[in-house]
């Protein structure tokens, strides 16, 4: 019974380790081809918006007797129209998404700085200050280099995110593996 449990744990750990390695490889590929990755991410957002719009349309028709039907209909139309616009005009969508990302980071960085100075008497408040400064600088870099950075920026950020997700999965898997197989047990299998 114990052997079956440890075998299942090892199978789960190995699966997580393999998925972590694959994610890291995909992240490297995304960074190596950032223009393609940016276009893929923008197209994926367009498809999600179109699907969400049709879902909202179904919901609007199913609940039309509850009131607000016109607003629900307009909202679904907004989702569908935005998704179609991003799909039909991908470069414009990439420019817009990049500008929105820069605006988001500038705003987040500003809020983090304000929060850091509000927490100033507390211990370790400088971590929030550092996070705010880095986020603000990243947002400013996007803004000041826009629109020239738009074709590659989103793809690069997606790639970096995927790499860190993969690395974290690999590290967690290795930690789980070492926890499930203590050194004395690995040396003397029973």
C-alpha atoms as a PDB file:
ATOM      1  CA  UNK A   1       0.000   0.000   0.000  1.00  0.00           C
ATOM      2  CA  UNK A   2       2.817   2.397   0.942  1.00  0.00           C
ATOM      3  CA  UNK A   3       4.632   1.499  -2.261  1.00  0.00           C
ATOM      4  CA  UNK A   4       1.536   2.390  -4.339  1.00  0.00           C
ATOM      5  CA  UNK A   5       1.217   5.742  -2.579  1.00  0.00           C
ATOM      6  CA  UNK A   6       4.898   6.588  -3.070  1.00  0.00           C
ATOM      7  CA  UNK A   7       4.707   5.456  -6.708  1.00  0.00           C
ATOM      8  CA  UNK A   8       1.708   7.779  -7.285  1.00  0.00           C
ATOM      9  CA  UNK A   9       3.528  10.649  -5.573  1.00  0.00           C
ATOM     10  CA  UNK A  10       6.613  10.055  -7.730  1.00  0.00           C
ATOM     11  CA  UNK A  11       4.422   9.934 -10.861  1.00  0.00           C
ATOM     12  CA  UNK A  12       2.809  13.262  -9.911  1.00  0.00           C
ATOM     13  CA  UNK A  13       6.196  14.807  -9.137  1.00  0.00           C
ATOM     14  CA  UNK A  14       7.654  13.575 -12.432  1.00  0.00           C
ATOM     15  CA  UNK A  15       4.634  14.957 -14.331  1.00  0.00           C
ATOM     16  CA  UNK A  16       5.040  18.336 -12.654  1.00  0.00           C
ATOM     17  CA  UNK A  17       8.777  18.274 -13.384  1.00  0.00           C
ATOM     18  CA  UNK A  18       8.190  17.513 -17.071  1.00  0.00           C
ATOM     19  CA  UNK A  19       5.535  20.245 -17.365  1.00  0.00           C
ATOM     20  CA  UNK A  20       7.911  22.711 -15.692  1.00  0.00           C
ATOM     21  CA  UNK A  21      10.679  21.890 -18.156  1.00  0.00           C
ATOM     22  CA  UNK A  22       8.256  22.175 -21.093  1.00  0.00           C
ATOM     23  CA  UNK A  23       6.978  25.535 -19.850  1.00  0.00           C
ATOM     24  CA  UNK A  24      10.549  26.795 -19.561  1.00  0.00           C
ATOM     25  CA  UNK A  25      11.304  25.652 -23.119  1.00  0.00           C
ATOM     26  CA  UNK A  26       8.121  27.337 -24.422  1.00  0.00           C
ATOM     27  CA  UNK A  27       9.113  30.494 -22.557  1.00  0.00           C
ATOM     28  CA  UNK A  28      12.506  30.525 -24.261  1.00  0.00           C
ATOM     29  CA  UNK A  29      10.812  30.007 -27.634  1.00  0.00           C
ATOM     30  CA  UNK A  30       8.417  32.880 -26.867  1.00  0.00           C
ATOM     31  CA  UNK A  31      11.333  35.184 -26.087  1.00  0.00           C
ATOM     32  CA  UNK A  32      13.253  33.991 -29.167  1.00  0.00           C
ATOM     33  CA  UNK A  33      10.270  34.865 -31.402  1.00  0.00           C
ATOM     34  CA  UNK A  34       8.689  37.828 -29.578  1.00  0.00           C
ATOM     35  CA  UNK A  35       6.874  39.263 -32.613  1.00  0.00           C
ATOM     36  CA  UNK A  36       5.072  35.968 -33.216  1.00  0.00           C
ATOM     37  CA  UNK A  37       4.318  35.564 -29.505  1.00  0.00           C
ATOM     38  CA  UNK A  38       2.928  39.103 -29.311  1.00  0.00           C
ATOM     39  CA  UNK A  39       0.660  38.438 -32.289  1.00  0.00           C
ATOM     40  CA  UNK A  40      -0.415  35.121 -30.778  1.00  0.00           C
ATOM     41  CA  UNK A  41      -1.204  36.752 -27.403  1.00  0.00           C
ATOM     42  CA  UNK A  42      -3.165  39.560 -29.076  1.00  0.00           C
ATOM     43  CA  UNK A  43      -5.137  37.070 -31.191  1.00  0.00           C
ATOM     44  CA  UNK A  44      -5.843  34.962 -28.110  1.00  0.00           C
ATOM     45  CA  UNK A  45      -7.244  38.022 -26.311  1.00  0.00           C
ATOM     46  CA  UNK A  46      -9.408  38.763 -29.369  1.00  0.00           C
ATOM     47  CA  UNK A  47     -10.824  35.233 -29.369  1.00  0.00           C
ATOM     48  CA  UNK A  48     -11.504  35.397 -25.616  1.00  0.00           C
ATOM     49  CA  UNK A  49     -13.347  38.702 -26.011  1.00  0.00           C
ATOM     50  CA  UNK A  50     -15.457  37.365 -28.882  1.00  0.00           C
ATOM     51  CA  UNK A  51     -16.338  34.224 -26.926  1.00  0.00           C
ATOM     52  CA  UNK A  52     -17.141  36.265 -23.802  1.00  0.00           C
ATOM     53  CA  UNK A  53     -19.315  38.575 -25.902  1.00  0.00           C
ATOM     54  CA  UNK A  54     -21.361  35.695 -27.273  1.00  0.00           C
ATOM     55  CA  UNK A  55     -21.665  34.274 -23.760  1.00  0.00           C
ATOM     56  CA  UNK A  56     -22.977  37.641 -22.564  1.00  0.00           C
ATOM     57  CA  UNK A  57     -25.378  37.701 -25.520  1.00  0.00           C
ATOM     58  CA  UNK A  58     -26.813  34.311 -24.533  1.00  0.00           C
ATOM     59  CA  UNK A  59     -27.120  35.510 -20.941  1.00  0.00           C
ATOM     60  CA  UNK A  60     -28.858  38.704 -22.091  1.00  0.00           C
ATOM     61  CA  UNK A  61     -31.446  36.777 -24.092  1.00  0.00           C
ATOM     62  CA  UNK A  62     -32.028  34.263 -21.305  1.00  0.00           C
ATOM     63  CA  UNK A  63     -32.593  37.015 -18.717  1.00  0.00           C
ATOM     64  CA  UNK A  64     -34.345  39.600 -20.887  1.00  0.00           C
ATOM     65  CA  UNK A  65     -37.450  39.516 -18.677  1.00  0.00           C
ATOM     66  CA  UNK A  66     -35.390  40.505 -15.592  1.00  0.00           C
ATOM     67  CA  UNK A  67     -34.644  44.002 -16.851  1.00  0.00           C
ATOM     68  CA  UNK A  68     -31.601  45.750 -18.248  1.00  0.00           C
ATOM     69  CA  UNK A  69     -31.814  43.797 -21.488  1.00  0.00           C
ATOM     70  CA  UNK A  70     -30.620  46.707 -23.652  1.00  0.00           C
ATOM     71  CA  UNK A  71     -27.564  47.286 -21.424  1.00  0.00           C
ATOM     72  CA  UNK A  72     -26.710  43.591 -21.394  1.00  0.00           C
ATOM     73  CA  UNK A  73     -27.083  43.559 -25.174  1.00  0.00           C
ATOM     74  CA  UNK A  74     -24.858  46.629 -25.573  1.00  0.00           C
ATOM     75  CA  UNK A  75     -22.247  45.120 -23.282  1.00  0.00           C
ATOM     76  CA  UNK A  76     -22.168  41.886 -25.267  1.00  0.00           C
ATOM     77  CA  UNK A  77     -21.907  43.933 -28.467  1.00  0.00           C
ATOM     78  CA  UNK A  78     -18.958  45.848 -27.012  1.00  0.00           C
ATOM     79  CA  UNK A  79     -17.121  42.615 -26.216  1.00  0.00           C
ATOM     80  CA  UNK A  80     -17.812  41.119 -29.647  1.00  0.00           C
ATOM     81  CA  UNK A  81     -16.930  44.331 -31.512  1.00  0.00           C
ATOM     82  CA  UNK A  82     -13.684  44.799 -29.561  1.00  0.00           C
ATOM     83  CA  UNK A  83     -12.693  41.179 -30.149  1.00  0.00           C
ATOM     84  CA  UNK A  84     -13.431  41.443 -33.864  1.00  0.00           C
ATOM     85  CA  UNK A  85     -11.484  44.731 -34.105  1.00  0.00           C
ATOM     86  CA  UNK A  86      -8.475  43.118 -32.400  1.00  0.00           C
ATOM     87  CA  UNK A  87      -8.783  40.123 -34.699  1.00  0.00           C
ATOM     88  CA  UNK A  88      -9.167  42.105 -37.943  1.00  0.00           C
ATOM     89  CA  UNK A  89      -6.589  44.803 -37.071  1.00  0.00           C
ATOM     90  CA  UNK A  90      -3.977  42.947 -35.019  1.00  0.00           C
ATOM     91  CA  UNK A  91      -1.232  45.582 -35.243  1.00  0.00           C
ATOM     92  CA  UNK A  92      -3.559  48.289 -33.931  1.00  0.00           C
ATOM     93  CA  UNK A  93      -4.571  45.884 -31.161  1.00  0.00           C
ATOM     94  CA  UNK A  94      -0.940  45.269 -30.278  1.00  0.00           C
ATOM     95  CA  UNK A  95      -0.286  49.017 -30.103  1.00  0.00           C
ATOM     96  CA  UNK A  96      -3.338  49.522 -27.902  1.00  0.00           C
ATOM     97  CA  UNK A  97      -2.551  46.616 -25.575  1.00  0.00           C
ATOM     98  CA  UNK A  98       1.039  47.804 -25.181  1.00  0.00           C
ATOM     99  CA  UNK A  99      -0.084  51.323 -24.343  1.00  0.00           C
ATOM    100  CA  UNK A 100      -2.610  49.947 -21.847  1.00  0.00           C
ATOM    101  CA  UNK A 101       0.102  47.827 -20.241  1.00  0.00           C
ATOM    102  CA  UNK A 102       2.374  50.858 -19.894  1.00  0.00           C
ATOM    103  CA  UNK A 103      -0.462  52.886 -18.377  1.00  0.00           C
ATOM    104  CA  UNK A 104      -1.285  50.065 -15.981  1.00  0.00           C
ATOM    105  CA  UNK A 105       2.329  49.770 -14.813  1.00  0.00           C
ATOM    106  CA  UNK A 106       2.737  53.535 -14.337  1.00  0.00           C
ATOM    107  CA  UNK A 107      -0.472  53.635 -12.304  1.00  0.00           C
ATOM    108  CA  UNK A 108       0.447  50.546 -10.280  1.00  0.00           C
ATOM    109  CA  UNK A 109       3.936  51.907  -9.605  1.00  0.00           C
ATOM    110  CA  UNK A 110       2.507  55.223  -8.421  1.00  0.00           C
ATOM    111  CA  UNK A 111       0.074  53.452  -6.084  1.00  0.00           C
ATOM    112  CA  UNK A 112       2.882  51.221  -4.759  1.00  0.00           C
ATOM    113  CA  UNK A 113       5.019  54.294  -3.994  1.00  0.00           C
ATOM    114  CA  UNK A 114       2.151  55.953  -2.137  1.00  0.00           C
ATOM    115  CA  UNK A 115       1.531  52.729  -0.211  1.00  0.00           C
ATOM    116  CA  UNK A 116       5.226  52.399   0.623  1.00  0.00           C
ATOM    117  CA  UNK A 117       5.369  55.875   2.151  1.00  0.00           C
ATOM    118  CA  UNK A 118       2.152  55.170   4.093  1.00  0.00           C
ATOM    119  CA  UNK A 119       3.772  52.011   5.501  1.00  0.00           C
ATOM    120  CA  UNK A 120       7.103  53.748   6.123  1.00  0.00           C
ATOM    121  CA  UNK A 121       7.218  53.256   9.898  1.00  0.00           C
ATOM    122  CA  UNK A 122       6.783  49.495   9.456  1.00  0.00           C
ATOM    123  CA  UNK A 123       9.670  47.115   9.060  1.00  0.00           C
ATOM    124  CA  UNK A 124      10.480  46.032   5.463  1.00  0.00           C
ATOM    125  CA  UNK A 125       8.510  48.911   3.889  1.00  0.00           C
ATOM    126  CA  UNK A 126      11.412  49.365   1.475  1.00  0.00           C
ATOM    127  CA  UNK A 127      10.404  46.171  -0.392  1.00  0.00           C
ATOM    128  CA  UNK A 128       7.177  47.864  -1.442  1.00  0.00           C
ATOM    129  CA  UNK A 129       9.138  51.024  -2.271  1.00  0.00           C
ATOM    130  CA  UNK A 130      11.506  49.009  -4.488  1.00  0.00           C
ATOM    131  CA  UNK A 131       8.588  47.244  -6.163  1.00  0.00           C
ATOM    132  CA  UNK A 132       6.921  50.599  -6.818  1.00  0.00           C
ATOM    133  CA  UNK A 133      10.066  52.126  -8.300  1.00  0.00           C
ATOM    134  CA  UNK A 134      10.748  49.145 -10.577  1.00  0.00           C
ATOM    135  CA  UNK A 135       7.114  48.993 -11.722  1.00  0.00           C
ATOM    136  CA  UNK A 136       7.053  52.739 -12.388  1.00  0.00           C
ATOM    137  CA  UNK A 137      10.301  52.570 -14.360  1.00  0.00           C
ATOM    138  CA  UNK A 138       9.027  49.634 -16.437  1.00  0.00           C
ATOM    139  CA  UNK A 139       5.805  51.507 -17.211  1.00  0.00           C
ATOM    140  CA  UNK A 140       7.747  54.635 -18.135  1.00  0.00           C
ATOM    141  CA  UNK A 141      10.054  52.614 -20.385  1.00  0.00           C
ATOM    142  CA  UNK A 142       7.032  51.210 -22.227  1.00  0.00           C
ATOM    143  CA  UNK A 143       5.519  54.678 -22.596  1.00  0.00           C
ATOM    144  CA  UNK A 144       8.685  56.392 -23.802  1.00  0.00           C
ATOM    145  CA  UNK A 145       9.526  53.669 -26.317  1.00  0.00           C
ATOM    146  CA  UNK A 146       5.952  53.233 -27.581  1.00  0.00           C
ATOM    147  CA  UNK A 147       5.039  52.430 -30.403  1.00  0.00           C
ATOM    148  CA  UNK A 148       8.454  51.031 -31.376  1.00  0.00           C
ATOM    149  CA  UNK A 149       8.427  48.443 -28.581  1.00  0.00           C
ATOM    150  CA  UNK A 150       4.883  47.198 -29.296  1.00  0.00           C
ATOM    151  CA  UNK A 151       5.705  44.368 -31.745  1.00  0.00           C
ATOM    152  CA  UNK A 152       8.046  42.547 -29.367  1.00  0.00           C
ATOM    153  CA  UNK A 153       7.171  43.697 -25.841  1.00  0.00           C
ATOM    154  CA  UNK A 154       4.076  41.631 -25.059  1.00  0.00           C
ATOM    155  CA  UNK A 155       5.647  38.472 -26.477  1.00  0.00           C
ATOM    156  CA  UNK A 156       8.793  38.991 -24.436  1.00  0.00           C
ATOM    157  CA  UNK A 157       6.813  39.554 -21.234  1.00  0.00           C
ATOM    158  CA  UNK A 158       4.680  36.472 -21.905  1.00  0.00           C
ATOM    159  CA  UNK A 159       7.867  34.469 -22.493  1.00  0.00           C
ATOM    160  CA  UNK A 160       9.472  35.689 -19.267  1.00  0.00           C
ATOM    161  CA  UNK A 161       6.313  34.859 -17.344  1.00  0.00           C
ATOM    162  CA  UNK A 162       6.187  31.350 -18.833  1.00  0.00           C
ATOM    163  CA  UNK A 163       9.872  30.768 -18.034  1.00  0.00           C
ATOM    164  CA  UNK A 164       9.404  31.777 -14.384  1.00  0.00           C
ATOM    165  CA  UNK A 165       6.288  29.594 -14.141  1.00  0.00           C
ATOM    166  CA  UNK A 166       8.270  26.673 -15.543  1.00  0.00           C
ATOM    167  CA  UNK A 167      11.222  27.251 -13.234  1.00  0.00           C
ATOM    168  CA  UNK A 168       8.950  27.475 -10.195  1.00  0.00           C
ATOM    169  CA  UNK A 169       7.284  24.174 -11.189  1.00  0.00           C
ATOM    170  CA  UNK A 170      10.658  22.493 -11.631  1.00  0.00           C
ATOM    171  CA  UNK A 171      11.875  23.755  -8.248  1.00  0.00           C
ATOM    172  CA  UNK A 172       8.676  22.671  -6.483  1.00  0.00           C
ATOM    173  CA  UNK A 173       8.913  19.255  -8.148  1.00  0.00           C
ATOM    174  CA  UNK A 174      12.526  18.807  -7.114  1.00  0.00           C
ATOM    175  CA  UNK A 175      11.619  19.845  -3.575  1.00  0.00           C
ATOM    176  CA  UNK A 176       8.710  17.369  -3.519  1.00  0.00           C
ATOM    177  CA  UNK A 177      10.962  14.651  -4.908  1.00  0.00           C
ATOM    178  CA  UNK A 178      13.593  15.218  -2.217  1.00  0.00           C
ATOM    179  CA  UNK A 179      10.892  15.290   0.464  1.00  0.00           C
ATOM    180  CA  UNK A 180       9.267  12.049  -0.731  1.00  0.00           C
ATOM    181  CA  UNK A 181      12.637  10.249  -1.081  1.00  0.00           C
ATOM    182  CA  UNK A 182      14.796  10.940   1.975  1.00  0.00           C
ATOM    183  CA  UNK A 183      18.524  10.192   1.374  1.00  0.00           C
ATOM    184  CA  UNK A 184      18.640   7.106   3.629  1.00  0.00           C
ATOM    185  CA  UNK A 185      15.539   5.654   1.958  1.00  0.00           C
ATOM    186  CA  UNK A 186      16.948   6.234  -1.536  1.00  0.00           C
ATOM    187  CA  UNK A 187      20.201   4.471  -0.620  1.00  0.00           C
ATOM    188  CA  UNK A 188      18.487   1.414   0.876  1.00  0.00           C
ATOM    189  CA  UNK A 189      15.328   0.619  -1.103  1.00  0.00           C
ATOM    190  CA  UNK A 190      13.138  -1.974   0.613  1.00  0.00           C
END
